[in-house]
């Protein structure tokens, strides 16, 4: 009996790894002011949303200079920081957002067998 339950759990896990969630992604990007680095981070994340998540993404850009309380509440220690709030689990990507493949892997946006270029 126990083996059968384990087998079903393993099959369910494998299926969840191969199927991309159909709901919307909720992303929060924390930047510091209107610097070139902040603008580049916003541009890269918007490109990611448009090209890969195709309308299944809600992006909230937060300037920690204007909203320091949100930075404290979300424990932001460096910018840019991108947080994938939904679907769970929550994932964080801190620093250079230039590497799309790394960003996909860190935020758990890649599904089994996909290769992001």
PDB file of N, CA and C in Angstrom:
ATOM      1  N   UNK A   1       0.816  -1.204   0.000  1.00  0.00           N
ATOM      2  CA  UNK A   1       0.000   0.000   0.000  1.00  0.00           C
ATOM      3  C   UNK A   1       0.856   1.262   0.000  1.00  0.00           C
ATOM      4  N   UNK A   2       1.877   1.301   0.833  1.00  0.00           N
ATOM      5  CA  UNK A   2       2.707   2.475   0.930  1.00  0.00           C
ATOM      6  C   UNK A   2       3.427   2.748  -0.391  1.00  0.00           C
ATOM      7  N   UNK A   3       3.874   1.723  -1.088  1.00  0.00           N
ATOM      8  CA  UNK A   3       4.558   1.876  -2.368  1.00  0.00           C
ATOM      9  C   UNK A   3       3.633   2.496  -3.398  1.00  0.00           C
ATOM     10  N   UNK A   4       2.380   2.096  -3.406  1.00  0.00           N
ATOM     11  CA  UNK A   4       1.399   2.627  -4.343  1.00  0.00           C
ATOM     12  C   UNK A   4       1.186   4.129  -4.115  1.00  0.00           C
ATOM     13  N   UNK A   5       1.083   4.563  -2.854  1.00  0.00           N
ATOM     14  CA  UNK A   5       0.916   5.975  -2.535  1.00  0.00           C
ATOM     15  C   UNK A   5       2.144   6.768  -2.962  1.00  0.00           C
ATOM     16  N   UNK A   6       3.317   6.205  -2.709  1.00  0.00           N
ATOM     17  CA  UNK A   6       4.561   6.868  -3.093  1.00  0.00           C
ATOM     18  C   UNK A   6       4.647   7.009  -4.597  1.00  0.00           C
ATOM     19  N   UNK A   7       4.250   5.993  -5.317  1.00  0.00           N
ATOM     20  CA  UNK A   7       4.283   6.023  -6.769  1.00  0.00           C
ATOM     21  C   UNK A   7       3.356   7.110  -7.313  1.00  0.00           C
ATOM     22  N   UNK A   8       2.153   7.214  -6.746  1.00  0.00           N
ATOM     23  CA  UNK A   8       1.211   8.246  -7.185  1.00  0.00           C
ATOM     24  C   UNK A   8       1.735   9.643  -6.877  1.00  0.00           C
ATOM     25  N   UNK A   9       2.366   9.805  -5.721  1.00  0.00           N
ATOM     26  CA  UNK A   9       2.923  11.107  -5.357  1.00  0.00           C
ATOM     27  C   UNK A   9       4.056  11.482  -6.303  1.00  0.00           C
ATOM     28  N   UNK A  10       4.884  10.514  -6.657  1.00  0.00           N
ATOM     29  CA  UNK A  10       5.978  10.762  -7.594  1.00  0.00           C
ATOM     30  C   UNK A  10       5.437  11.146  -8.958  1.00  0.00           C
ATOM     31  N   UNK A  11       4.412  10.454  -9.426  1.00  0.00           N
ATOM     32  CA  UNK A  11       3.808  10.766 -10.718  1.00  0.00           C
ATOM     33  C   UNK A  11       3.197  12.173 -10.706  1.00  0.00           C
ATOM     34  N   UNK A  12       2.560  12.543  -9.628  1.00  0.00           N
ATOM     35  CA  UNK A  12       1.961  13.879  -9.517  1.00  0.00           C
ATOM     36  C   UNK A  12       3.039  14.959  -9.537  1.00  0.00           C
ATOM     37  N   UNK A  13       4.156  14.703  -8.838  1.00  0.00           N
ATOM     38  CA  UNK A  13       5.249  15.656  -8.828  1.00  0.00           C
ATOM     39  C   UNK A  13       5.842  15.815 -10.219  1.00  0.00           C
ATOM     40  N   UNK A  14       6.089  14.712 -10.909  1.00  0.00           N
ATOM     41  CA  UNK A  14       6.641  14.777 -12.262  1.00  0.00           C
ATOM     42  C   UNK A  14       5.707  15.529 -13.209  1.00  0.00           C
ATOM     43  N   UNK A  15       4.404  15.304 -13.071  1.00  0.00           N
ATOM     44  CA  UNK A  15       3.445  16.006 -13.921  1.00  0.00           C
ATOM     45  C   UNK A  15       3.466  17.501 -13.643  1.00  0.00           C
ATOM     46  N   UNK A  16       3.562  17.885 -12.378  1.00  0.00           N
ATOM     47  CA  UNK A  16       3.583  19.306 -12.037  1.00  0.00           C
ATOM     48  C   UNK A  16       4.844  19.985 -12.556  1.00  0.00           C
ATOM     49  N   UNK A  17       5.932  19.243 -12.698  1.00  0.00           N
ATOM     50  CA  UNK A  17       7.168  19.804 -13.224  1.00  0.00           C
ATOM     51  C   UNK A  17       7.125  20.003 -14.730  1.00  0.00           C
ATOM     52  N   UNK A  18       6.285  19.268 -15.418  1.00  0.00           N
ATOM     53  CA  UNK A  18       6.247  19.361 -16.869  1.00  0.00           C
ATOM     54  C   UNK A  18       5.143  20.270 -17.387  1.00  0.00           C
ATOM     55  N   UNK A  19       4.243  20.698 -16.527  1.00  0.00           N
ATOM     56  CA  UNK A  19       3.118  21.529 -16.954  1.00  0.00           C
ATOM     57  C   UNK A  19       3.298  22.932 -16.394  1.00  0.00           C
ATOM     58  N   UNK A  20       3.298  23.939 -17.266  1.00  0.00           N
ATOM     59  CA  UNK A  20       3.405  25.326 -16.834  1.00  0.00           C
ATOM     60  C   UNK A  20       2.063  25.764 -16.241  1.00  0.00           C
ATOM     61  N   UNK A  21       2.081  26.455 -15.114  1.00  0.00           N
ATOM     62  CA  UNK A  21       0.827  26.916 -14.515  1.00  0.00           C
ATOM     63  C   UNK A  21       0.065  27.811 -15.489  1.00  0.00           C
ATOM     64  N   UNK A  22      -1.263  27.708 -15.463  1.00  0.00           N
ATOM     65  CA  UNK A  22      -2.089  28.475 -16.382  1.00  0.00           C
ATOM     66  C   UNK A  22      -2.497  29.824 -15.803  1.00  0.00           C
ATOM     67  N   UNK A  23      -2.313  30.025 -14.505  1.00  0.00           N
ATOM     68  CA  UNK A  23      -2.690  31.290 -13.888  1.00  0.00           C
ATOM     69  C   UNK A  23      -1.695  32.384 -14.186  1.00  0.00           C
ATOM     70  N   UNK A  24      -2.000  33.576 -13.715  1.00  0.00           N
ATOM     71  CA  UNK A  24      -1.115  34.721 -13.916  1.00  0.00           C
ATOM     72  C   UNK A  24       0.042  34.677 -12.931  1.00  0.00           C
ATOM     73  N   UNK A  25       1.193  35.110 -13.420  1.00  0.00           N
ATOM     74  CA  UNK A  25       2.347  35.301 -12.557  1.00  0.00           C
ATOM     75  C   UNK A  25       2.233  36.686 -11.937  1.00  0.00           C
ATOM     76  N   UNK A  26       2.604  36.799 -10.679  1.00  0.00           N
ATOM     77  CA  UNK A  26       2.638  38.082 -10.006  1.00  0.00           C
ATOM     78  C   UNK A  26       4.098  38.353  -9.665  1.00  0.00           C
ATOM     79  N   UNK A  27       4.655  39.399 -10.289  1.00  0.00           N
ATOM     80  CA  UNK A  27       6.050  39.752 -10.105  1.00  0.00           C
ATOM     81  C   UNK A  27       6.143  41.145  -9.513  1.00  0.00           C
ATOM     82  N   UNK A  28       7.102  41.316  -8.584  1.00  0.00           N
ATOM     83  CA  UNK A  28       7.363  42.631  -7.991  1.00  0.00           C
ATOM     84  C   UNK A  28       8.832  42.945  -8.217  1.00  0.00           C
ATOM     85  N   UNK A  29       9.095  44.071  -8.860  1.00  0.00           N
ATOM     86  CA  UNK A  29      10.452  44.503  -9.128  1.00  0.00           C
ATOM     87  C   UNK A  29      10.766  45.719  -8.266  1.00  0.00           C
ATOM     88  N   UNK A  30      11.793  45.586  -7.436  1.00  0.00           N
ATOM     89  CA  UNK A  30      12.220  46.674  -6.570  1.00  0.00           C
ATOM     90  C   UNK A  30      13.459  47.318  -7.182  1.00  0.00           C
ATOM     91  N   UNK A  31      13.391  48.631  -7.393  1.00  0.00           N
ATOM     92  CA  UNK A  31      14.502  49.394  -7.954  1.00  0.00           C
ATOM     93  C   UNK A  31      14.781  50.585  -7.043  1.00  0.00           C
ATOM     94  N   UNK A  32      15.939  51.226  -7.261  1.00  0.00           N
ATOM     95  CA  UNK A  32      16.323  52.381  -6.440  1.00  0.00           C
ATOM     96  C   UNK A  32      16.475  53.608  -7.322  1.00  0.00           C
ATOM     97  N   UNK A  33      15.437  54.408  -7.404  1.00  0.00           N
ATOM     98  CA  UNK A  33      15.497  55.651  -8.158  1.00  0.00           C
ATOM     99  C   UNK A  33      15.439  55.456  -9.658  1.00  0.00           C
ATOM    100  N   UNK A  34      15.670  56.554 -10.381  1.00  0.00           N
ATOM    101  CA  UNK A  34      15.580  56.554 -11.841  1.00  0.00           C
ATOM    102  C   UNK A  34      16.973  56.445 -12.459  1.00  0.00           C
ATOM    103  N   UNK A  35      17.754  55.485 -11.984  1.00  0.00           N
ATOM    104  CA  UNK A  35      19.108  55.291 -12.488  1.00  0.00           C
ATOM    105  C   UNK A  35      19.078  54.463 -13.767  1.00  0.00           C
ATOM    106  N   UNK A  36      20.200  54.453 -14.464  1.00  0.00           N
ATOM    107  CA  UNK A  36      20.308  53.634 -15.685  1.00  0.00           C
ATOM    108  C   UNK A  36      20.116  52.148 -15.350  1.00  0.00           C
ATOM    109  N   UNK A  37      20.657  51.706 -14.225  1.00  0.00           N
ATOM    110  CA  UNK A  37      20.509  50.303 -13.805  1.00  0.00           C
ATOM    111  C   UNK A  37      19.046  49.958 -13.532  1.00  0.00           C
ATOM    112  N   UNK A  38      18.330  50.873 -12.905  1.00  0.00           N
ATOM    113  CA  UNK A  38      16.910  50.657 -12.625  1.00  0.00           C
ATOM    114  C   UNK A  38      16.109  50.591 -13.925  1.00  0.00           C
ATOM    115  N   UNK A  39      16.378  51.519 -14.843  1.00  0.00           N
ATOM    116  CA  UNK A  39      15.664  51.519 -16.124  1.00  0.00           C
ATOM    117  C   UNK A  39      15.939  50.229 -16.898  1.00  0.00           C
ATOM    118  N   UNK A  40      17.192  49.767 -16.873  1.00  0.00           N
ATOM    119  CA  UNK A  40      17.557  48.528 -17.565  1.00  0.00           C
ATOM    120  C   UNK A  40      16.823  47.335 -16.944  1.00  0.00           C
ATOM    121  N   UNK A  41      16.725  47.293 -15.627  1.00  0.00           N
ATOM    122  CA  UNK A  41      16.026  46.203 -14.948  1.00  0.00           C
ATOM    123  C   UNK A  41      14.547  46.184 -15.331  1.00  0.00           C
ATOM    124  N   UNK A  42      13.914  47.347 -15.341  1.00  0.00           N
ATOM    125  CA  UNK A  42      12.493  47.439 -15.716  1.00  0.00           C
ATOM    126  C   UNK A  42      12.307  46.968 -17.156  1.00  0.00           C
ATOM    127  N   UNK A  43      13.183  47.406 -18.050  1.00  0.00           N
ATOM    128  CA  UNK A  43      13.103  47.011 -19.457  1.00  0.00           C
ATOM    129  C   UNK A  43      13.236  45.497 -19.616  1.00  0.00           C
ATOM    130  N   UNK A  44      14.212  44.894 -18.950  1.00  0.00           N
ATOM    131  CA  UNK A  44      14.441  43.445 -19.074  1.00  0.00           C
ATOM    132  C   UNK A  44      13.250  42.643 -18.544  1.00  0.00           C
ATOM    133  N   UNK A  45      12.700  43.056 -17.422  1.00  0.00           N
ATOM    134  CA  UNK A  45      11.578  42.311 -16.846  1.00  0.00           C
ATOM    135  C   UNK A  45      10.330  42.479 -17.712  1.00  0.00           C
ATOM    136  N   UNK A  46      10.121  43.668 -18.253  1.00  0.00           N
ATOM    137  CA  UNK A  46       8.978  43.852 -19.162  1.00  0.00           C
ATOM    138  C   UNK A  46       9.134  43.003 -20.413  1.00  0.00           C
ATOM    139  N   UNK A  47      10.369  42.907 -20.943  1.00  0.00           N
ATOM    140  CA  UNK A  47      10.632  42.040 -22.094  1.00  0.00           C
ATOM    141  C   UNK A  47      10.317  40.587 -21.751  1.00  0.00           C
ATOM    142  N   UNK A  48      10.728  40.156 -20.578  1.00  0.00           N
ATOM    143  CA  UNK A  48      10.448  38.803 -20.108  1.00  0.00           C
ATOM    144  C   UNK A  48       8.947  38.559 -20.058  1.00  0.00           C
ATOM    145  N   UNK A  49       8.214  39.502 -19.492  1.00  0.00           N
ATOM    146  CA  UNK A  49       6.758  39.351 -19.374  1.00  0.00           C
ATOM    147  C   UNK A  49       6.091  39.280 -20.743  1.00  0.00           C
ATOM    148  N   UNK A  50       6.498  40.146 -21.647  1.00  0.00           N
ATOM    149  CA  UNK A  50       5.877  40.186 -22.972  1.00  0.00           C
ATOM    150  C   UNK A  50       6.246  38.976 -23.821  1.00  0.00           C
ATOM    151  N   UNK A  51       7.517  38.595 -23.802  1.00  0.00           N
ATOM    152  CA  UNK A  51       7.992  37.528 -24.689  1.00  0.00           C
ATOM    153  C   UNK A  51       7.675  36.135 -24.174  1.00  0.00           C
ATOM    154  N   UNK A  52       7.838  35.910 -22.893  1.00  0.00           N
ATOM    155  CA  UNK A  52       7.740  34.551 -22.366  1.00  0.00           C
ATOM    156  C   UNK A  52       6.440  34.263 -21.621  1.00  0.00           C
ATOM    157  N   UNK A  53       5.910  35.249 -20.935  1.00  0.00           N
ATOM    158  CA  UNK A  53       4.716  35.000 -20.124  1.00  0.00           C
ATOM    159  C   UNK A  53       3.448  35.458 -20.831  1.00  0.00           C
ATOM    160  N   UNK A  54       3.588  36.137 -21.944  1.00  0.00           N
ATOM    161  CA  UNK A  54       2.513  36.478 -22.888  1.00  0.00           C
ATOM    162  C   UNK A  54       1.152  36.764 -22.250  1.00  0.00           C
ATOM    163  N   UNK A  55       1.074  37.871 -21.536  1.00  0.00           N
ATOM    164  CA  UNK A  55      -0.198  38.283 -20.975  1.00  0.00           C
ATOM    165  C   UNK A  55      -0.597  37.562 -19.696  1.00  0.00           C
ATOM    166  N   UNK A  56       0.261  36.683 -19.209  1.00  0.00           N
ATOM    167  CA  UNK A  56      -0.046  35.944 -17.979  1.00  0.00           C
ATOM    168  C   UNK A  56       0.766  36.486 -16.818  1.00  0.00           C
ATOM    169  N   UNK A  57       1.027  37.805 -16.845  1.00  0.00           N
ATOM    170  CA  UNK A  57       1.933  38.377 -15.867  1.00  0.00           C
ATOM    171  C   UNK A  57       1.414  39.722 -15.370  1.00  0.00           C
ATOM    172  N   UNK A  58       1.449  39.903 -14.067  1.00  0.00           N
ATOM    173  CA  UNK A  58       1.160  41.208 -13.470  1.00  0.00           C
ATOM    174  C   UNK A  58       2.469  41.673 -12.853  1.00  0.00           C
ATOM    175  N   UNK A  59       2.988  42.784 -13.363  1.00  0.00           N
ATOM    176  CA  UNK A  59       4.259  43.324 -12.884  1.00  0.00           C
ATOM    177  C   UNK A  59       4.014  44.598 -12.104  1.00  0.00           C
ATOM    178  N   UNK A  60       4.570  44.658 -10.900  1.00  0.00           N
ATOM    179  CA  UNK A  60       4.501  45.847 -10.067  1.00  0.00           C
ATOM    180  C   UNK A  60       5.937  46.337  -9.862  1.00  0.00           C
ATOM    181  N   UNK A  61       6.219  47.573 -10.289  1.00  0.00           N
ATOM    182  CA  UNK A  61       7.543  48.164 -10.120  1.00  0.00           C
ATOM    183  C   UNK A  61       7.493  49.095  -8.912  1.00  0.00           C
ATOM    184  N   UNK A  62       8.415  48.874  -7.973  1.00  0.00           N
ATOM    185  CA  UNK A  62       8.432  49.644  -6.731  1.00  0.00           C
ATOM    186  C   UNK A  62       9.780  50.339  -6.591  1.00  0.00           C
ATOM    187  N   UNK A  63       9.754  51.659  -6.489  1.00  0.00           N
ATOM    188  CA  UNK A  63      10.965  52.445  -6.260  1.00  0.00           C
ATOM    189  C   UNK A  63      11.143  52.565  -4.751  1.00  0.00           C
ATOM    190  N   UNK A  64      12.214  51.958  -4.231  1.00  0.00           N
ATOM    191  CA  UNK A  64      12.398  51.950  -2.778  1.00  0.00           C
ATOM    192  C   UNK A  64      12.741  53.331  -2.224  1.00  0.00           C
ATOM    193  N   UNK A  65      13.173  54.247  -3.093  1.00  0.00           N
ATOM    194  CA  UNK A  65      13.427  55.627  -2.647  1.00  0.00           C
ATOM    195  C   UNK A  65      12.108  56.337  -2.349  1.00  0.00           C
ATOM    196  N   UNK A  66      11.066  56.002  -3.098  1.00  0.00           N
ATOM    197  CA  UNK A  66       9.760  56.613  -2.905  1.00  0.00           C
ATOM    198  C   UNK A  66       8.896  55.837  -1.913  1.00  0.00           C
ATOM    199  N   UNK A  67       9.148  54.532  -1.770  1.00  0.00           N
ATOM    200  CA  UNK A  67       8.343  53.692  -0.890  1.00  0.00           C
ATOM    201  C   UNK A  67       9.245  52.826   0.002  1.00  0.00           C
ATOM    202  N   UNK A  68      10.005  53.454   0.903  1.00  0.00           N
ATOM    203  CA  UNK A  68      10.937  52.683   1.741  1.00  0.00           C
ATOM    204  C   UNK A  68      10.255  51.669   2.656  1.00  0.00           C
ATOM    205  N   UNK A  69       9.011  51.940   3.040  1.00  0.00           N
ATOM    206  CA  UNK A  69       8.293  50.987   3.905  1.00  0.00           C
ATOM    207  C   UNK A  69       8.103  49.644   3.197  1.00  0.00           C
ATOM    208  N   UNK A  70       7.783  49.683   1.891  1.00  0.00           N
ATOM    209  CA  UNK A  70       7.631  48.432   1.141  1.00  0.00           C
ATOM    210  C   UNK A  70       8.963  47.673   1.063  1.00  0.00           C
ATOM    211  N   UNK A  71      10.063  48.415   0.964  1.00  0.00           N
ATOM    212  CA  UNK A  71      11.379  47.779   0.945  1.00  0.00           C
ATOM    213  C   UNK A  71      11.634  47.071   2.277  1.00  0.00           C
ATOM    214  N   UNK A  72      11.324  47.730   3.376  1.00  0.00           N
ATOM    215  CA  UNK A  72      11.496  47.105   4.699  1.00  0.00           C
ATOM    216  C   UNK A  72      10.578  45.903   4.855  1.00  0.00           C
ATOM    217  N   UNK A  73       9.315  46.060   4.479  1.00  0.00           N
ATOM    218  CA  UNK A  73       8.339  44.979   4.635  1.00  0.00           C
ATOM    219  C   UNK A  73       8.722  43.734   3.837  1.00  0.00           C
ATOM    220  N   UNK A  74       9.366  43.946   2.676  1.00  0.00           N
ATOM    221  CA  UNK A  74       9.749  42.826   1.809  1.00  0.00           C
ATOM    222  C   UNK A  74      11.208  42.420   1.986  1.00  0.00           C
ATOM    223  N   UNK A  75      11.869  42.992   3.001  1.00  0.00           N
ATOM    224  CA  UNK A  75      13.253  42.670   3.343  1.00  0.00           C
ATOM    225  C   UNK A  75      14.191  42.811   2.142  1.00  0.00           C
ATOM    226  N   UNK A  76      14.084  43.936   1.445  1.00  0.00           N
ATOM    227  CA  UNK A  76      14.932  44.212   0.290  1.00  0.00           C
ATOM    228  C   UNK A  76      16.255  44.769   0.801  1.00  0.00           C
ATOM    229  N   UNK A  77      17.349  44.085   0.456  1.00  0.00           N
ATOM    230  CA  UNK A  77      18.672  44.516   0.901  1.00  0.00           C
ATOM    231  C   UNK A  77      19.529  45.026  -0.255  1.00  0.00           C
ATOM    232  N   UNK A  78      19.130  44.754  -1.487  1.00  0.00           N
ATOM    233  CA  UNK A  78      19.861  45.205  -2.668  1.00  0.00           C
ATOM    234  C   UNK A  78      18.877  45.382  -3.812  1.00  0.00           C
ATOM    235  N   UNK A  79      19.251  46.233  -4.765  1.00  0.00           N
ATOM    236  CA  UNK A  79      18.409  46.420  -5.945  1.00  0.00           C
ATOM    237  C   UNK A  79      19.263  46.245  -7.183  1.00  0.00           C
ATOM    238  N   UNK A  80      18.682  45.852  -8.281  1.00  0.00           N
ATOM    239  CA  UNK A  80      17.273  45.474  -8.405  1.00  0.00           C
ATOM    240  C   UNK A  80      17.013  44.098  -7.791  1.00  0.00           C
ATOM    241  N   UNK A  81      15.827  43.932  -7.264  1.00  0.00           N
ATOM    242  CA  UNK A  81      15.354  42.645  -6.753  1.00  0.00           C
ATOM    243  C   UNK A  81      14.019  42.343  -7.407  1.00  0.00           C
ATOM    244  N   UNK A  82      13.930  41.161  -8.013  1.00  0.00           N
ATOM    245  CA  UNK A  82      12.685  40.711  -8.626  1.00  0.00           C
ATOM    246  C   UNK A  82      12.141  39.568  -7.784  1.00  0.00           C
ATOM    247  N   UNK A  83      10.880  39.693  -7.376  1.00  0.00           N
ATOM    248  CA  UNK A  83      10.240  38.663  -6.564  1.00  0.00           C
ATOM    249  C   UNK A  83       9.067  38.080  -7.333  1.00  0.00           C
ATOM    250  N   UNK A  84       9.045  36.755  -7.454  1.00  0.00           N
ATOM    251  CA  UNK A  84       7.888  36.075  -8.024  1.00  0.00           C
ATOM    252  C   UNK A  84       7.001  35.709  -6.837  1.00  0.00           C
ATOM    253  N   UNK A  85       5.889  36.436  -6.697  1.00  0.00           N
ATOM    254  CA  UNK A  85       4.971  36.227  -5.580  1.00  0.00           C
ATOM    255  C   UNK A  85       4.045  35.035  -5.823  1.00  0.00           C
ATOM    256  N   UNK A  86       3.609  34.889  -7.078  1.00  0.00           N
ATOM    257  CA  UNK A  86       2.656  33.836  -7.414  1.00  0.00           C
ATOM    258  C   UNK A  86       2.970  33.329  -8.802  1.00  0.00           C
ATOM    259  N   UNK A  87       2.888  32.058  -9.075  1.00  0.00           N
ATOM    260  CA  UNK A  87       2.487  30.978  -8.177  1.00  0.00           C
ATOM    261  C   UNK A  87       3.576  30.654  -7.158  1.00  0.00           C
ATOM    262  N   UNK A  88       3.169  30.047  -6.092  1.00  0.00           N
ATOM    263  CA  UNK A  88       4.080  29.653  -5.020  1.00  0.00           C
ATOM    264  C   UNK A  88       5.021  28.583  -5.512  1.00  0.00           C
ATOM    265  N   UNK A  89       6.183  28.415  -4.995  1.00  0.00           N
ATOM    266  CA  UNK A  89       6.781  29.144  -3.892  1.00  0.00           C
ATOM    267  C   UNK A  89       7.313  30.501  -4.347  1.00  0.00           C
ATOM    268  N   UNK A  90       7.428  31.410  -3.382  1.00  0.00           N
ATOM    269  CA  UNK A  90       7.978  32.725  -3.659  1.00  0.00           C
ATOM    270  C   UNK A  90       9.448  32.552  -4.010  1.00  0.00           C
ATOM    271  N   UNK A  91       9.898  33.250  -5.056  1.00  0.00           N
ATOM    272  CA  UNK A  91      11.299  33.197  -5.490  1.00  0.00           C
ATOM    273  C   UNK A  91      11.829  34.613  -5.612  1.00  0.00           C
ATOM    274  N   UNK A  92      13.136  34.797  -5.328  1.00  0.00           N
ATOM    275  CA  UNK A  92      13.791  36.100  -5.427  1.00  0.00           C
ATOM    276  C   UNK A  92      14.995  36.014  -6.350  1.00  0.00           C
ATOM    277  N   UNK A  93      15.163  37.066  -7.131  1.00  0.00           N
ATOM    278  CA  UNK A  93      16.342  37.196  -7.979  1.00  0.00           C
ATOM    279  C   UNK A  93      16.914  38.572  -7.694  1.00  0.00           C
ATOM    280  N   UNK A  94      18.151  38.604  -7.209  1.00  0.00           N
ATOM    281  CA  UNK A  94      18.773  39.857  -6.793  1.00  0.00           C
ATOM    282  C   UNK A  94      19.963  40.144  -7.694  1.00  0.00           C
ATOM    283  N   UNK A  95      20.038  41.383  -8.186  1.00  0.00           N
ATOM    284  CA  UNK A  95      21.205  41.793  -8.951  1.00  0.00           C
ATOM    285  C   UNK A  95      20.941  41.914 -10.427  1.00  0.00           C
ATOM    286  N   UNK A  96      21.931  41.564 -11.232  1.00  0.00           N
ATOM    287  CA  UNK A  96      21.905  41.731 -12.677  1.00  0.00           C
ATOM    288  C   UNK A  96      20.772  40.927 -13.311  1.00  0.00           C
ATOM    289  N   UNK A  97      19.880  41.600 -13.996  1.00  0.00           N
ATOM    290  CA  UNK A  97      18.750  40.931 -14.642  1.00  0.00           C
ATOM    291  C   UNK A  97      19.021  40.707 -16.124  1.00  0.00           C
ATOM    292  N   UNK A  98      20.273  40.802 -16.544  1.00  0.00           N
ATOM    293  CA  UNK A  98      20.636  40.641 -17.944  1.00  0.00           C
ATOM    294  C   UNK A  98      20.599  39.211 -18.441  1.00  0.00           C
ATOM    295  N   UNK A  99      20.758  38.238 -17.579  1.00  0.00           N
ATOM    296  CA  UNK A  99      20.797  36.836 -17.961  1.00  0.00           C
ATOM    297  C   UNK A  99      19.400  36.230 -17.859  1.00  0.00           C
ATOM    298  N   UNK A 100      18.676  36.191 -18.986  1.00  0.00           N
ATOM    299  CA  UNK A 100      17.292  35.706 -18.989  1.00  0.00           C
ATOM    300  C   UNK A 100      17.214  34.232 -18.583  1.00  0.00           C
ATOM    301  N   UNK A 101      18.154  33.406 -19.064  1.00  0.00           N
ATOM    302  CA  UNK A 101      18.138  31.979 -18.708  1.00  0.00           C
ATOM    303  C   UNK A 101      18.302  31.815 -17.204  1.00  0.00           C
ATOM    304  N   UNK A 102      19.240  32.555 -16.624  1.00  0.00           N
ATOM    305  CA  UNK A 102      19.440  32.493 -15.179  1.00  0.00           C
ATOM    306  C   UNK A 102      18.228  32.998 -14.424  1.00  0.00           C
ATOM    307  N   UNK A 103      17.611  34.043 -14.954  1.00  0.00           N
ATOM    308  CA  UNK A 103      16.411  34.604 -14.335  1.00  0.00           C
ATOM    309  C   UNK A 103      15.278  33.585 -14.338  1.00  0.00           C
ATOM    310  N   UNK A 104      15.085  32.902 -15.478  1.00  0.00           N
ATOM    311  CA  UNK A 104      14.051  31.876 -15.562  1.00  0.00           C
ATOM    312  C   UNK A 104      14.306  30.767 -14.544  1.00  0.00           C
ATOM    313  N   UNK A 105      15.538  30.325 -14.448  1.00  0.00           N
ATOM    314  CA  UNK A 105      15.866  29.233 -13.517  1.00  0.00           C
ATOM    315  C   UNK A 105      15.670  29.674 -12.070  1.00  0.00           C
ATOM    316  N   UNK A 106      16.177  30.862 -11.720  1.00  0.00           N
ATOM    317  CA  UNK A 106      16.067  31.346 -10.347  1.00  0.00           C
ATOM    318  C   UNK A 106      14.623  31.540  -9.908  1.00  0.00           C
ATOM    319  N   UNK A 107      13.799  32.041 -10.804  1.00  0.00           N
ATOM    320  CA  UNK A 107      12.405  32.314 -10.456  1.00  0.00           C
ATOM    321  C   UNK A 107      11.506  31.108 -10.672  1.00  0.00           C
ATOM    322  N   UNK A 108      12.094  29.990 -11.078  1.00  0.00           N
ATOM    323  CA  UNK A 108      11.355  28.755 -11.301  1.00  0.00           C
ATOM    324  C   UNK A 108      10.289  28.940 -12.377  1.00  0.00           C
ATOM    325  N   UNK A 109      10.649  29.667 -13.458  1.00  0.00           N
ATOM    326  CA  UNK A 109       9.735  29.873 -14.568  1.00  0.00           C
ATOM    327  C   UNK A 109       9.964  28.852 -15.675  1.00  0.00           C
ATOM    328  N   UNK A 110      11.090  28.152 -15.624  1.00  0.00           N
ATOM    329  CA  UNK A 110      11.378  27.131 -16.635  1.00  0.00           C
ATOM    330  C   UNK A 110      10.686  25.840 -16.230  1.00  0.00           C
ATOM    331  N   UNK A 111      10.126  25.179 -17.207  1.00  0.00           N
ATOM    332  CA  UNK A 111       9.549  23.878 -16.945  1.00  0.00           C
ATOM    333  C   UNK A 111      10.490  22.818 -17.474  1.00  0.00           C
ATOM    334  N   UNK A 112      10.324  21.611 -17.027  1.00  0.00           N
ATOM    335  CA  UNK A 112      11.179  20.502 -17.417  1.00  0.00           C
ATOM    336  C   UNK A 112      11.228  20.380 -18.932  1.00  0.00           C
ATOM    337  N   UNK A 113      12.446  20.376 -19.495  1.00  0.00           N
ATOM    338  CA  UNK A 113      12.604  20.192 -20.925  1.00  0.00           C
ATOM    339  C   UNK A 113      12.619  21.475 -21.725  1.00  0.00           C
ATOM    340  N   UNK A 114      12.350  22.636 -21.103  1.00  0.00           N
ATOM    341  CA  UNK A 114      12.373  23.901 -21.830  1.00  0.00           C
ATOM    342  C   UNK A 114      13.752  24.505 -21.763  1.00  0.00           C
ATOM    343  N   UNK A 115      14.115  25.191 -22.810  1.00  0.00           N
ATOM    344  CA  UNK A 115      15.388  25.914 -22.825  1.00  0.00           C
ATOM    345  C   UNK A 115      15.079  27.350 -23.191  1.00  0.00           C
ATOM    346  N   UNK A 116      15.425  28.271 -22.328  1.00  0.00           N
ATOM    347  CA  UNK A 116      15.214  29.687 -22.616  1.00  0.00           C
ATOM    348  C   UNK A 116      16.484  30.235 -23.244  1.00  0.00           C
ATOM    349  N   UNK A 117      16.321  31.027 -24.271  1.00  0.00           N
ATOM    350  CA  UNK A 117      17.473  31.601 -24.963  1.00  0.00           C
ATOM    351  C   UNK A 117      17.574  33.057 -24.638  1.00  0.00           C
TER     352      UNK A 117
END
